[in-house]
Amino acid sequence: MSAPHRKRLNLIHIVTEGILDPYKSRILACWNDGIQETSLLMVFLQQQGYTGSERTLMRYLKQLREAQGLPPKRALWTSGLAKVSDPQLPPFTARRASFLIVKPEQHRDTEEVDLLARLVAAHPDLNKAVELAQEFSQLLRERRAEGFEPWLMKVFKSKLKPFQAFAKSLFEDYAAVRASMVLEVSNGMVEGFNNRLKMVKRQMFGRAGLELLSKRFIVA
């Protein structure tokens, strides 16, 4: 086979594999729930708009079987196996979980709602933490200062030490925090500029003179 012909075959393989990319998260969800029959998945994907071939789907399912150490042919429904993931999907880090928790409910898509529900179900102790975090972020967004003190009492009555430490710091600066929920005036922008200038100063320390530093301050 000539080299150009091999290149065309590789290009076709890459293109057909890319057809599955928008559907991989749904395939993995079905797979981890035990739905692993190619024909069933094919019907499900076609209803979602998938236009690729069944052979492309089979190649991807083969990779999933290999990831779990399954033989090529296996019973359609399995349980107790380790969950599989796709390297193309972003890892569910603590930072991503925190962002998802405080994200406004109306701005979450279906997958994020399902992910948060599974997170709370897998770790029941997080129920109260998620509830308190969402309630506090809602107080800030809606500027409901009257709910600040009841929220503090809820935290102090809970057994969540990190939340109690956070609430204690807020309570020590109670007037300022409550004012931020009432007043529209804020020094947040000024503090942001201060932090930016401090970062520039640290980056330039020992590298150049005051002239270059002043120019970077002006640009920043």
N, C-alpha and C. Protein backbone atom coordinates (compact mmCIF):
# COMPACT_ATOMS: atom_id res chain seq x y z
N MET A 1 0.86 -1.20 0.00
CA MET A 1 0.00 0.00 0.00
C MET A 1 0.88 1.24 0.00
N SER A 2 0.57 2.21 -0.84
CA SER A 2 1.39 3.41 -0.96
C SER A 2 1.22 4.29 0.27
N ALA A 3 2.24 5.15 0.50
CA ALA A 3 2.19 6.05 1.66
C ALA A 3 1.02 7.01 1.61
N PRO A 4 0.69 7.64 0.46
CA PRO A 4 -0.48 8.54 0.42
C PRO A 4 -1.77 7.83 0.78
N HIS A 5 -1.88 6.54 0.32
CA HIS A 5 -3.11 5.80 0.62
C HIS A 5 -3.23 5.54 2.11
N ARG A 6 -2.09 5.21 2.76
CA ARG A 6 -2.12 4.99 4.20
C ARG A 6 -2.51 6.27 4.94
N LYS A 7 -2.03 7.42 4.46
CA LYS A 7 -2.38 8.69 5.09
C LYS A 7 -3.87 8.95 4.99
N ARG A 8 -4.46 8.61 3.81
CA ARG A 8 -5.91 8.82 3.66
C ARG A 8 -6.69 7.94 4.63
N LEU A 9 -6.24 6.70 4.83
CA LEU A 9 -6.91 5.80 5.75
C LEU A 9 -6.82 6.33 7.19
N ASN A 10 -5.65 6.83 7.57
CA ASN A 10 -5.49 7.39 8.90
C ASN A 10 -6.40 8.60 9.11
N LEU A 11 -6.54 9.43 8.08
CA LEU A 11 -7.41 10.59 8.17
C LEU A 11 -8.86 10.17 8.35
N ILE A 12 -9.29 9.17 7.60
CA ILE A 12 -10.66 8.66 7.74
C ILE A 12 -10.89 8.12 9.13
N HIS A 13 -9.90 7.41 9.69
CA HIS A 13 -10.03 6.85 11.04
C HIS A 13 -10.19 7.96 12.07
N ILE A 14 -9.38 9.02 11.94
CA ILE A 14 -9.45 10.13 12.89
C ILE A 14 -10.81 10.83 12.81
N VAL A 15 -11.29 11.05 11.61
CA VAL A 15 -12.56 11.74 11.42
C VAL A 15 -13.71 10.93 12.00
N THR A 16 -13.74 9.63 11.71
CA THR A 16 -14.85 8.80 12.21
C THR A 16 -14.81 8.68 13.72
N GLU A 17 -13.61 8.60 14.31
CA GLU A 17 -13.53 8.53 15.76
C GLU A 17 -14.02 9.84 16.39
N GLY A 18 -13.78 10.96 15.69
CA GLY A 18 -14.22 12.25 16.22
C GLY A 18 -15.73 12.38 16.27
N ILE A 19 -16.43 11.62 15.46
CA ILE A 19 -17.89 11.69 15.45
C ILE A 19 -18.45 11.31 16.82
N LEU A 20 -17.75 10.43 17.53
CA LEU A 20 -18.23 9.95 18.83
C LEU A 20 -17.98 10.93 19.97
N ASP A 21 -17.07 11.86 19.79
CA ASP A 21 -16.63 12.72 20.89
C ASP A 21 -17.78 13.40 21.64
N PRO A 22 -18.78 13.98 20.95
CA PRO A 22 -19.87 14.65 21.70
C PRO A 22 -20.73 13.69 22.52
N TYR A 23 -20.62 12.38 22.24
CA TYR A 23 -21.51 11.41 22.88
C TYR A 23 -20.79 10.53 23.90
N LYS A 24 -19.48 10.74 24.08
CA LYS A 24 -18.72 9.83 24.93
C LYS A 24 -19.16 9.89 26.39
N SER A 25 -19.51 11.07 26.87
CA SER A 25 -19.95 11.16 28.27
C SER A 25 -21.23 10.36 28.49
N ARG A 26 -22.13 10.37 27.52
CA ARG A 26 -23.38 9.60 27.64
C ARG A 26 -23.11 8.11 27.51
N ILE A 27 -22.18 7.75 26.63
CA ILE A 27 -21.82 6.33 26.49
C ILE A 27 -21.24 5.80 27.79
N LEU A 28 -20.35 6.59 28.42
CA LEU A 28 -19.73 6.17 29.67
C LEU A 28 -20.76 6.03 30.78
N ALA A 29 -21.73 6.94 30.81
CA ALA A 29 -22.78 6.86 31.84
C ALA A 29 -23.58 5.57 31.68
N CYS A 30 -23.95 5.23 30.45
CA CYS A 30 -24.67 3.99 30.19
C CYS A 30 -23.80 2.78 30.52
N TRP A 31 -22.55 2.85 30.12
CA TRP A 31 -21.64 1.72 30.34
C TRP A 31 -21.48 1.44 31.83
N ASN A 32 -21.26 2.47 32.63
CA ASN A 32 -21.08 2.30 34.06
C ASN A 32 -22.37 1.87 34.76
N ASP A 33 -23.52 2.11 34.12
CA ASP A 33 -24.79 1.62 34.66
C ASP A 33 -25.09 0.20 34.24
N GLY A 34 -24.19 -0.40 33.43
CA GLY A 34 -24.36 -1.80 33.03
C GLY A 34 -24.94 -1.99 31.65
N ILE A 35 -25.28 -0.91 30.95
CA ILE A 35 -25.82 -1.01 29.59
C ILE A 35 -24.65 -1.03 28.62
N GLN A 36 -24.27 -2.23 28.16
CA GLN A 36 -23.05 -2.38 27.38
C GLN A 36 -23.28 -3.07 26.03
N GLU A 37 -24.52 -3.29 25.67
CA GLU A 37 -24.84 -3.92 24.40
C GLU A 37 -24.74 -2.89 23.27
N THR A 38 -23.96 -3.24 22.26
CA THR A 38 -23.71 -2.29 21.17
C THR A 38 -25.00 -1.85 20.49
N SER A 39 -25.89 -2.79 20.22
CA SER A 39 -27.12 -2.44 19.50
C SER A 39 -28.01 -1.50 20.31
N LEU A 40 -28.07 -1.71 21.63
CA LEU A 40 -28.88 -0.83 22.48
C LEU A 40 -28.28 0.57 22.52
N LEU A 41 -26.97 0.63 22.67
CA LEU A 41 -26.30 1.93 22.70
C LEU A 41 -26.44 2.65 21.36
N MET A 42 -26.42 1.88 20.28
CA MET A 42 -26.54 2.46 18.95
C MET A 42 -27.90 3.14 18.79
N VAL A 43 -28.95 2.47 19.24
CA VAL A 43 -30.30 3.04 19.15
C VAL A 43 -30.39 4.30 20.00
N PHE A 44 -29.82 4.24 21.20
CA PHE A 44 -29.85 5.40 22.10
C PHE A 44 -29.13 6.59 21.48
N LEU A 45 -27.95 6.34 20.90
CA LEU A 45 -27.16 7.43 20.34
C LEU A 45 -27.83 8.02 19.11
N GLN A 46 -28.44 7.16 18.29
CA GLN A 46 -29.12 7.67 17.11
C GLN A 46 -30.27 8.60 17.48
N GLN A 47 -30.93 8.30 18.59
CA GLN A 47 -32.00 9.18 19.06
C GLN A 47 -31.44 10.53 19.53
N GLN A 48 -30.15 10.53 19.93
CA GLN A 48 -29.51 11.76 20.36
C GLN A 48 -28.88 12.53 19.21
N GLY A 49 -28.95 11.96 17.99
CA GLY A 49 -28.42 12.66 16.83
C GLY A 49 -27.15 12.08 16.26
N TYR A 50 -26.68 10.94 16.77
CA TYR A 50 -25.46 10.31 16.28
C TYR A 50 -25.66 9.79 14.85
N THR A 51 -24.74 10.13 13.96
CA THR A 51 -24.84 9.72 12.55
C THR A 51 -23.71 8.80 12.12
N GLY A 52 -22.86 8.42 13.06
CA GLY A 52 -21.74 7.54 12.73
C GLY A 52 -22.17 6.09 12.58
N SER A 53 -21.19 5.23 12.29
CA SER A 53 -21.47 3.82 12.06
C SER A 53 -21.41 3.03 13.37
N GLU A 54 -22.01 1.85 13.35
CA GLU A 54 -21.97 0.97 14.51
C GLU A 54 -20.55 0.44 14.74
N ARG A 55 -19.80 0.31 13.67
CA ARG A 55 -18.43 -0.18 13.79
C ARG A 55 -17.56 0.80 14.58
N THR A 56 -17.78 2.09 14.35
CA THR A 56 -17.04 3.11 15.13
C THR A 56 -17.36 2.99 16.61
N LEU A 57 -18.64 2.78 16.92
CA LEU A 57 -19.06 2.59 18.30
C LEU A 57 -18.42 1.34 18.89
N MET A 58 -18.37 0.26 18.11
CA MET A 58 -17.80 -0.99 18.59
C MET A 58 -16.32 -0.83 18.93
N ARG A 59 -15.60 -0.06 18.13
CA ARG A 59 -14.18 0.16 18.42
C ARG A 59 -14.00 0.87 19.76
N TYR A 60 -14.86 1.84 20.04
CA TYR A 60 -14.77 2.56 21.31
C TYR A 60 -15.15 1.66 22.47
N LEU A 61 -16.18 0.84 22.31
CA LEU A 61 -16.58 -0.09 23.37
C LEU A 61 -15.50 -1.12 23.64
N LYS A 62 -14.76 -1.49 22.60
CA LYS A 62 -13.65 -2.42 22.78
C LYS A 62 -12.59 -1.82 23.68
N GLN A 63 -12.34 -0.51 23.53
CA GLN A 63 -11.38 0.17 24.39
C GLN A 63 -11.85 0.18 25.85
N LEU A 64 -13.16 0.34 26.04
CA LEU A 64 -13.71 0.32 27.41
C LEU A 64 -13.56 -1.05 28.04
N ARG A 65 -13.81 -2.12 27.25
CA ARG A 65 -13.64 -3.48 27.78
C ARG A 65 -12.20 -3.74 28.17
N GLU A 66 -11.28 -3.26 27.34
CA GLU A 66 -9.86 -3.45 27.65
C GLU A 66 -9.47 -2.67 28.90
N ALA A 67 -10.07 -1.49 29.09
CA ALA A 67 -9.76 -0.68 30.28
C ALA A 67 -10.21 -1.37 31.55
N GLN A 68 -11.28 -2.17 31.48
CA GLN A 68 -11.77 -2.89 32.65
C GLN A 68 -11.24 -4.31 32.73
N GLY A 69 -10.43 -4.69 31.77
CA GLY A 69 -9.87 -6.03 31.77
C GLY A 69 -10.87 -7.11 31.41
N LEU A 70 -11.90 -6.76 30.64
CA LEU A 70 -12.92 -7.71 30.23
C LEU A 70 -12.50 -8.42 28.95
N PRO A 71 -12.89 -9.67 28.77
CA PRO A 71 -12.64 -10.36 27.50
C PRO A 71 -13.48 -9.74 26.39
N PRO A 72 -13.19 -10.01 25.14
CA PRO A 72 -13.93 -9.41 24.02
C PRO A 72 -15.43 -9.65 24.10
N LYS A 73 -15.86 -10.83 24.57
CA LYS A 73 -17.29 -11.14 24.69
C LYS A 73 -17.60 -11.34 26.16
N ARG A 74 -18.64 -10.66 26.59
CA ARG A 74 -19.00 -10.66 28.01
C ARG A 74 -20.51 -10.51 28.12
N ALA A 75 -21.07 -10.91 29.26
CA ALA A 75 -22.50 -10.72 29.49
C ALA A 75 -22.84 -9.24 29.34
N LEU A 76 -24.08 -9.00 28.88
CA LEU A 76 -24.47 -7.63 28.57
C LEU A 76 -24.54 -6.75 29.81
N TRP A 77 -24.90 -7.34 30.95
CA TRP A 77 -25.06 -6.55 32.16
C TRP A 77 -24.04 -6.99 33.18
N THR A 78 -23.24 -6.08 33.68
CA THR A 78 -22.20 -6.37 34.65
C THR A 78 -22.33 -5.43 35.82
N SER A 79 -21.83 -5.85 36.96
CA SER A 79 -21.89 -5.00 38.15
C SER A 79 -20.63 -5.21 38.97
N GLY A 80 -20.36 -4.28 39.84
CA GLY A 80 -19.21 -4.40 40.72
C GLY A 80 -17.88 -4.09 40.08
N LEU A 81 -17.88 -3.61 38.84
CA LEU A 81 -16.64 -3.29 38.15
C LEU A 81 -16.25 -1.84 38.43
N ALA A 82 -14.95 -1.58 38.32
CA ALA A 82 -14.46 -0.21 38.51
C ALA A 82 -15.01 0.69 37.42
N LYS A 83 -15.33 1.93 37.77
CA LYS A 83 -15.82 2.89 36.80
C LYS A 83 -14.71 3.23 35.81
N VAL A 84 -15.09 3.42 34.57
CA VAL A 84 -14.12 3.80 33.55
C VAL A 84 -14.33 5.27 33.19
N SER A 85 -13.30 5.90 32.70
CA SER A 85 -13.37 7.30 32.31
C SER A 85 -12.63 7.50 31.02
N ASP A 86 -12.93 8.59 30.36
CA ASP A 86 -12.29 8.92 29.09
C ASP A 86 -11.28 10.02 29.35
N PRO A 87 -10.03 9.86 28.89
CA PRO A 87 -9.02 10.88 29.13
C PRO A 87 -9.40 12.25 28.58
N GLN A 88 -10.32 12.29 27.59
CA GLN A 88 -10.71 13.56 27.00
C GLN A 88 -11.62 14.36 27.93
N LEU A 89 -12.25 13.68 28.89
CA LEU A 89 -13.15 14.38 29.81
C LEU A 89 -12.34 15.06 30.90
N PRO A 90 -12.70 16.28 31.32
CA PRO A 90 -11.94 16.96 32.37
C PRO A 90 -12.07 16.23 33.69
N PRO A 91 -10.99 16.11 34.47
CA PRO A 91 -11.06 15.42 35.75
C PRO A 91 -11.93 16.19 36.74
N PHE A 92 -12.62 15.45 37.59
CA PHE A 92 -13.51 16.08 38.56
C PHE A 92 -12.70 16.40 39.81
N THR A 93 -12.04 17.54 39.79
CA THR A 93 -11.18 17.95 40.89
C THR A 93 -12.00 18.64 41.99
N ALA A 94 -11.33 18.86 43.13
CA ALA A 94 -12.00 19.56 44.24
C ALA A 94 -12.37 20.98 43.83
N ARG A 95 -11.52 21.61 43.03
CA ARG A 95 -11.80 22.98 42.57
C ARG A 95 -13.04 22.99 41.67
N ARG A 96 -13.13 22.01 40.78
CA ARG A 96 -14.30 21.95 39.90
C ARG A 96 -15.56 21.66 40.69
N ALA A 97 -15.45 20.80 41.71
CA ALA A 97 -16.62 20.50 42.55
C ALA A 97 -17.08 21.74 43.30
N SER A 98 -16.12 22.52 43.83
CA SER A 98 -16.48 23.75 44.56
C SER A 98 -17.19 24.73 43.64
N PHE A 99 -16.66 24.87 42.42
CA PHE A 99 -17.28 25.80 41.46
C PHE A 99 -18.70 25.34 41.12
N LEU A 100 -18.88 24.03 40.99
CA LEU A 100 -20.20 23.50 40.64
C LEU A 100 -21.20 23.73 41.76
N ILE A 101 -20.74 23.62 43.00
CA ILE A 101 -21.63 23.78 44.15
C ILE A 101 -22.17 25.20 44.25
N VAL A 102 -21.30 26.20 44.06
CA VAL A 102 -21.73 27.59 44.21
C VAL A 102 -22.29 28.17 42.91
N LYS A 103 -22.26 27.42 41.84
CA LYS A 103 -22.81 27.90 40.58
C LYS A 103 -24.33 28.02 40.69
N PRO A 104 -24.92 29.11 40.24
CA PRO A 104 -26.38 29.26 40.34
C PRO A 104 -27.11 28.09 39.69
N GLU A 105 -28.15 27.64 40.35
CA GLU A 105 -28.87 26.44 39.88
C GLU A 105 -29.40 26.62 38.46
N GLN A 106 -29.87 27.82 38.13
CA GLN A 106 -30.46 28.04 36.81
C GLN A 106 -29.41 28.03 35.71
N HIS A 107 -28.14 28.10 36.08
CA HIS A 107 -27.07 28.11 35.09
C HIS A 107 -26.42 26.73 34.91
N ARG A 108 -26.84 25.74 35.68
CA ARG A 108 -26.29 24.39 35.54
C ARG A 108 -27.01 23.65 34.41
N ASP A 109 -26.22 22.92 33.62
CA ASP A 109 -26.84 22.10 32.58
C ASP A 109 -27.23 20.76 33.17
N THR A 110 -27.82 19.90 32.35
CA THR A 110 -28.34 18.61 32.82
C THR A 110 -27.24 17.73 33.39
N GLU A 111 -26.09 17.71 32.73
CA GLU A 111 -24.98 16.87 33.19
C GLU A 111 -24.44 17.36 34.53
N GLU A 112 -24.38 18.67 34.72
CA GLU A 112 -23.89 19.22 35.98
C GLU A 112 -24.86 18.92 37.13
N VAL A 113 -26.14 18.99 36.86
CA VAL A 113 -27.14 18.65 37.88
C VAL A 113 -27.01 17.19 38.28
N ASP A 114 -26.84 16.32 37.29
CA ASP A 114 -26.68 14.90 37.56
C ASP A 114 -25.38 14.63 38.32
N LEU A 115 -24.31 15.32 37.94
CA LEU A 115 -23.02 15.13 38.59
C LEU A 115 -23.07 15.54 40.05
N LEU A 116 -23.71 16.66 40.34
CA LEU A 116 -23.83 17.13 41.72
C LEU A 116 -24.69 16.18 42.54
N ALA A 117 -25.75 15.66 41.95
CA ALA A 117 -26.62 14.71 42.66
C ALA A 117 -25.86 13.43 43.00
N ARG A 118 -25.05 12.95 42.06
CA ARG A 118 -24.27 11.74 42.31
C ARG A 118 -23.18 11.98 43.34
N LEU A 119 -22.62 13.19 43.35
CA LEU A 119 -21.60 13.53 44.33
C LEU A 119 -22.17 13.50 45.74
N VAL A 120 -23.32 14.12 45.93
CA VAL A 120 -23.96 14.14 47.24
C VAL A 120 -24.40 12.74 47.67
N ALA A 121 -24.90 11.95 46.69
CA ALA A 121 -25.33 10.60 47.01
C ALA A 121 -24.15 9.71 47.42
N ALA A 122 -23.00 9.92 46.79
CA ALA A 122 -21.82 9.10 47.09
C ALA A 122 -21.19 9.49 48.42
N HIS A 123 -21.39 10.75 48.85
CA HIS A 123 -20.80 11.24 50.10
C HIS A 123 -21.88 11.96 50.89
N PRO A 124 -22.68 11.23 51.66
CA PRO A 124 -23.81 11.84 52.39
C PRO A 124 -23.40 12.98 53.31
N ASP A 125 -22.17 12.94 53.82
CA ASP A 125 -21.73 14.00 54.73
C ASP A 125 -21.64 15.35 54.03
N LEU A 126 -21.62 15.33 52.71
CA LEU A 126 -21.53 16.59 51.97
C LEU A 126 -22.87 17.30 51.85
N ASN A 127 -23.94 16.63 52.21
CA ASN A 127 -25.28 17.24 52.07
C ASN A 127 -25.35 18.59 52.77
N LYS A 128 -24.94 18.61 54.03
CA LYS A 128 -25.03 19.85 54.81
C LYS A 128 -24.04 20.88 54.29
N ALA A 129 -22.85 20.44 53.89
CA ALA A 129 -21.86 21.38 53.38
C ALA A 129 -22.34 22.05 52.10
N VAL A 130 -22.91 21.27 51.20
CA VAL A 130 -23.43 21.81 49.95
C VAL A 130 -24.58 22.77 50.23
N GLU A 131 -25.44 22.40 51.16
CA GLU A 131 -26.58 23.26 51.50
C GLU A 131 -26.12 24.60 52.06
N LEU A 132 -25.16 24.58 52.97
CA LEU A 132 -24.67 25.83 53.57
C LEU A 132 -23.93 26.69 52.55
N ALA A 133 -23.12 26.07 51.69
CA ALA A 133 -22.38 26.83 50.69
C ALA A 133 -23.32 27.51 49.70
N GLN A 134 -24.33 26.77 49.25
CA GLN A 134 -25.28 27.33 48.30
C GLN A 134 -26.11 28.44 48.94
N GLU A 135 -26.47 28.26 50.20
CA GLU A 135 -27.28 29.27 50.88
C GLU A 135 -26.49 30.57 51.06
N PHE A 136 -25.20 30.45 51.42
CA PHE A 136 -24.39 31.65 51.62
C PHE A 136 -24.16 32.39 50.29
N SER A 137 -23.86 31.64 49.23
CA SER A 137 -23.66 32.29 47.93
C SER A 137 -24.94 32.97 47.45
N GLN A 138 -26.09 32.38 47.79
CA GLN A 138 -27.37 32.99 47.41
C GLN A 138 -27.63 34.27 48.20
N LEU A 139 -27.21 34.29 49.47
CA LEU A 139 -27.35 35.50 50.27
C LEU A 139 -26.55 36.65 49.66
N LEU A 140 -25.36 36.33 49.16
CA LEU A 140 -24.52 37.37 48.56
C LEU A 140 -25.11 37.86 47.25
N ARG A 141 -25.59 36.93 46.42
CA ARG A 141 -26.13 37.32 45.11
C ARG A 141 -27.39 38.17 45.26
N GLU A 142 -28.26 37.77 46.18
CA GLU A 142 -29.55 38.44 46.33
C GLU A 142 -29.50 39.57 47.35
N ARG A 143 -28.33 39.79 47.97
CA ARG A 143 -28.15 40.86 48.96
C ARG A 143 -29.20 40.78 50.08
N ARG A 144 -29.36 39.60 50.63
CA ARG A 144 -30.33 39.38 51.70
C ARG A 144 -29.60 39.40 53.04
N ALA A 145 -29.34 40.59 53.53
CA ALA A 145 -28.58 40.74 54.77
C ALA A 145 -29.33 40.16 55.96
N GLU A 146 -30.67 40.14 55.88
CA GLU A 146 -31.45 39.63 57.01
C GLU A 146 -31.23 38.13 57.24
N GLY A 147 -30.72 37.44 56.23
CA GLY A 147 -30.48 36.00 56.38
C GLY A 147 -29.07 35.67 56.82
N PHE A 148 -28.21 36.69 56.98
CA PHE A 148 -26.81 36.44 57.32
C PHE A 148 -26.66 35.83 58.72
N GLU A 149 -27.30 36.45 59.72
CA GLU A 149 -27.17 35.95 61.09
C GLU A 149 -27.77 34.55 61.25
N PRO A 150 -28.98 34.28 60.71
CA PRO A 150 -29.50 32.89 60.79
C PRO A 150 -28.56 31.88 60.14
N TRP A 151 -27.89 32.29 59.05
CA TRP A 151 -26.95 31.38 58.39
C TRP A 151 -25.76 31.09 59.31
N LEU A 152 -25.27 32.12 60.00
CA LEU A 152 -24.16 31.92 60.93
C LEU A 152 -24.56 30.94 62.04
N MET A 153 -25.78 31.08 62.54
CA MET A 153 -26.24 30.19 63.60
C MET A 153 -26.31 28.74 63.12
N LYS A 154 -26.73 28.56 61.87
CA LYS A 154 -26.79 27.21 61.31
C LYS A 154 -25.40 26.59 61.26
N VAL A 155 -24.42 27.40 60.86
CA VAL A 155 -23.06 26.89 60.76
C VAL A 155 -22.51 26.54 62.13
N PHE A 156 -22.73 27.41 63.11
CA PHE A 156 -22.20 27.15 64.45
C PHE A 156 -22.85 25.91 65.07
N LYS A 157 -24.09 25.62 64.69
CA LYS A 157 -24.77 24.44 65.22
C LYS A 157 -24.36 23.16 64.49
N SER A 158 -23.78 23.31 63.34
CA SER A 158 -23.36 22.13 62.57
C SER A 158 -22.05 21.59 63.15
N LYS A 159 -21.62 20.44 62.61
CA LYS A 159 -20.37 19.82 63.06
C LYS A 159 -19.26 19.98 62.03
N LEU A 160 -19.43 20.91 61.12
CA LEU A 160 -18.47 21.11 60.04
C LEU A 160 -17.42 22.13 60.49
N LYS A 161 -16.26 21.64 60.91
CA LYS A 161 -15.21 22.49 61.45
C LYS A 161 -14.73 23.54 60.44
N PRO A 162 -14.47 23.19 59.17
CA PRO A 162 -14.02 24.23 58.23
C PRO A 162 -15.03 25.35 58.06
N PHE A 163 -16.33 24.99 58.04
CA PHE A 163 -17.37 26.02 57.92
C PHE A 163 -17.43 26.88 59.18
N GLN A 164 -17.24 26.25 60.33
CA GLN A 164 -17.26 27.00 61.58
C GLN A 164 -16.11 28.00 61.65
N ALA A 165 -14.93 27.59 61.16
CA ALA A 165 -13.79 28.51 61.14
C ALA A 165 -14.06 29.67 60.19
N PHE A 166 -14.67 29.36 59.03
CA PHE A 166 -15.01 30.42 58.07
C PHE A 166 -16.06 31.37 58.66
N ALA A 167 -17.08 30.81 59.31
CA ALA A 167 -18.14 31.64 59.90
C ALA A 167 -17.58 32.50 61.03
N LYS A 168 -16.62 31.96 61.77
CA LYS A 168 -16.02 32.73 62.86
C LYS A 168 -15.29 33.96 62.32
N SER A 169 -14.57 33.79 61.21
CA SER A 169 -13.87 34.93 60.61
C SER A 169 -14.86 35.98 60.10
N LEU A 170 -16.00 35.51 59.57
CA LEU A 170 -17.02 36.45 59.12
C LEU A 170 -17.66 37.17 60.30
N PHE A 171 -17.87 36.44 61.39
CA PHE A 171 -18.51 37.02 62.57
C PHE A 171 -17.62 38.08 63.20
N GLU A 172 -16.29 37.89 63.12
CA GLU A 172 -15.36 38.87 63.68
C GLU A 172 -15.40 40.18 62.89
N ASP A 173 -15.82 40.11 61.64
CA ASP A 173 -15.93 41.31 60.81
C ASP A 173 -17.38 41.47 60.37
N TYR A 174 -18.28 41.25 61.32
CA TYR A 174 -19.71 41.16 61.04
C TYR A 174 -20.25 42.39 60.32
N ALA A 175 -19.92 43.58 60.80
CA ALA A 175 -20.49 44.81 60.23
C ALA A 175 -20.09 44.98 58.76
N ALA A 176 -18.83 44.72 58.45
CA ALA A 176 -18.36 44.89 57.07
C ALA A 176 -19.01 43.87 56.13
N VAL A 177 -19.10 42.62 56.60
CA VAL A 177 -19.70 41.58 55.76
C VAL A 177 -21.17 41.88 55.52
N ARG A 178 -21.87 42.29 56.57
CA ARG A 178 -23.30 42.60 56.41
C ARG A 178 -23.50 43.80 55.51
N ALA A 179 -22.60 44.78 55.62
CA ALA A 179 -22.70 45.96 54.76
C ALA A 179 -22.53 45.60 53.30
N SER A 180 -21.69 44.60 53.01
CA SER A 180 -21.49 44.19 51.62
C SER A 180 -22.75 43.59 51.01
N MET A 181 -23.66 43.12 51.88
CA MET A 181 -24.93 42.58 51.40
C MET A 181 -26.00 43.65 51.27
N VAL A 182 -25.70 44.86 51.73
CA VAL A 182 -26.69 45.93 51.70
C VAL A 182 -26.29 47.03 50.72
N LEU A 183 -25.03 47.43 50.81
CA LEU A 183 -24.55 48.56 49.99
C LEU A 183 -24.10 48.08 48.61
N GLU A 184 -24.31 48.93 47.62
CA GLU A 184 -23.85 48.63 46.27
C GLU A 184 -22.41 49.07 46.04
N VAL A 185 -21.89 49.92 46.93
CA VAL A 185 -20.51 50.40 46.82
C VAL A 185 -19.58 49.33 47.35
N SER A 186 -18.48 49.08 46.63
CA SER A 186 -17.53 48.05 47.03
C SER A 186 -16.12 48.47 46.63
N ASN A 187 -15.15 48.05 47.43
CA ASN A 187 -13.74 48.32 47.11
C ASN A 187 -13.10 47.11 46.43
N GLY A 188 -13.92 46.22 45.92
CA GLY A 188 -13.40 45.02 45.29
C GLY A 188 -12.49 45.32 44.10
N MET A 189 -12.86 46.30 43.29
CA MET A 189 -12.04 46.64 42.12
C MET A 189 -10.68 47.19 42.56
N VAL A 190 -10.69 48.03 43.59
CA VAL A 190 -9.43 48.60 44.09
C VAL A 190 -8.52 47.49 44.61
N GLU A 191 -9.08 46.56 45.38
CA GLU A 191 -8.30 45.45 45.91
C GLU A 191 -7.76 44.57 44.79
N GLY A 192 -8.55 44.44 43.72
CA GLY A 192 -8.09 43.66 42.57
C GLY A 192 -6.86 44.28 41.92
N PHE A 193 -6.89 45.61 41.76
CA PHE A 193 -5.73 46.31 41.20
C PHE A 193 -4.52 46.20 42.12
N ASN A 194 -4.75 46.29 43.43
CA ASN A 194 -3.65 46.16 44.38
C ASN A 194 -2.98 44.79 44.26
N ASN A 195 -3.79 43.75 44.17
CA ASN A 195 -3.25 42.40 44.04
C ASN A 195 -2.46 42.24 42.75
N ARG A 196 -2.96 42.86 41.67
CA ARG A 196 -2.26 42.77 40.39
C ARG A 196 -0.90 43.45 40.46
N LEU A 197 -0.85 44.63 41.09
CA LEU A 197 0.42 45.34 41.21
C LEU A 197 1.41 44.58 42.10
N LYS A 198 0.91 43.95 43.15
CA LYS A 198 1.78 43.15 44.01
C LYS A 198 2.36 41.96 43.24
N MET A 199 1.55 41.35 42.39
CA MET A 199 2.02 40.23 41.59
C MET A 199 3.14 40.68 40.64
N VAL A 200 2.94 41.85 39.99
CA VAL A 200 3.97 42.38 39.09
C VAL A 200 5.26 42.67 39.85
N LYS A 201 5.13 43.23 41.05
CA LYS A 201 6.31 43.55 41.86
C LYS A 201 7.09 42.28 42.21
N ARG A 202 6.36 41.20 42.56
CA ARG A 202 7.05 39.94 42.87
C ARG A 202 7.73 39.36 41.63
N GLN A 203 7.08 39.47 40.47
CA GLN A 203 7.67 38.95 39.24
C GLN A 203 8.94 39.71 38.86
N MET A 204 9.00 41.01 39.14
CA MET A 204 10.11 41.85 38.71
C MET A 204 11.22 41.96 39.76
N PHE A 205 11.02 41.39 40.92
CA PHE A 205 11.99 41.53 42.01
C PHE A 205 13.35 40.98 41.59
N GLY A 206 14.39 41.85 41.63
CA GLY A 206 15.75 41.43 41.31
C GLY A 206 16.03 41.26 39.83
N ARG A 207 15.09 41.63 38.97
CA ARG A 207 15.27 41.40 37.53
C ARG A 207 15.55 42.68 36.75
N ALA A 208 15.06 43.80 37.21
CA ALA A 208 15.22 45.04 36.44
C ALA A 208 15.14 46.23 37.38
N GLY A 209 15.38 47.41 36.82
CA GLY A 209 15.35 48.62 37.61
C GLY A 209 13.96 49.20 37.75
N LEU A 210 13.89 50.35 38.40
CA LEU A 210 12.60 50.99 38.68
C LEU A 210 11.91 51.50 37.41
N GLU A 211 12.70 51.85 36.41
CA GLU A 211 12.10 52.37 35.18
C GLU A 211 11.22 51.33 34.50
N LEU A 212 11.76 50.10 34.35
CA LEU A 212 10.97 49.04 33.73
C LEU A 212 9.79 48.64 34.61
N LEU A 213 10.03 48.63 35.93
CA LEU A 213 8.96 48.29 36.88
C LEU A 213 7.81 49.28 36.76
N SER A 214 8.13 50.56 36.67
CA SER A 214 7.07 51.58 36.57
C SER A 214 6.28 51.42 35.28
N LYS A 215 6.97 51.05 34.19
CA LYS A 215 6.27 50.84 32.93
C LYS A 215 5.32 49.65 33.01
N ARG A 216 5.75 48.59 33.67
CA ARG A 216 4.87 47.44 33.84
C ARG A 216 3.67 47.78 34.71
N PHE A 217 3.87 48.63 35.71
CA PHE A 217 2.75 49.06 36.54
C PHE A 217 1.71 49.80 35.71
N ILE A 218 2.19 50.67 34.80
CA ILE A 218 1.27 51.45 33.97
C ILE A 218 0.50 50.55 33.03
N VAL A 219 1.20 49.57 32.43
CA VAL A 219 0.53 48.63 31.52
C VAL A 219 -0.48 47.76 32.26
N ALA A 220 -0.12 47.35 33.49
CA ALA A 220 -1.01 46.49 34.28
C ALA A 220 -2.27 47.23 34.67
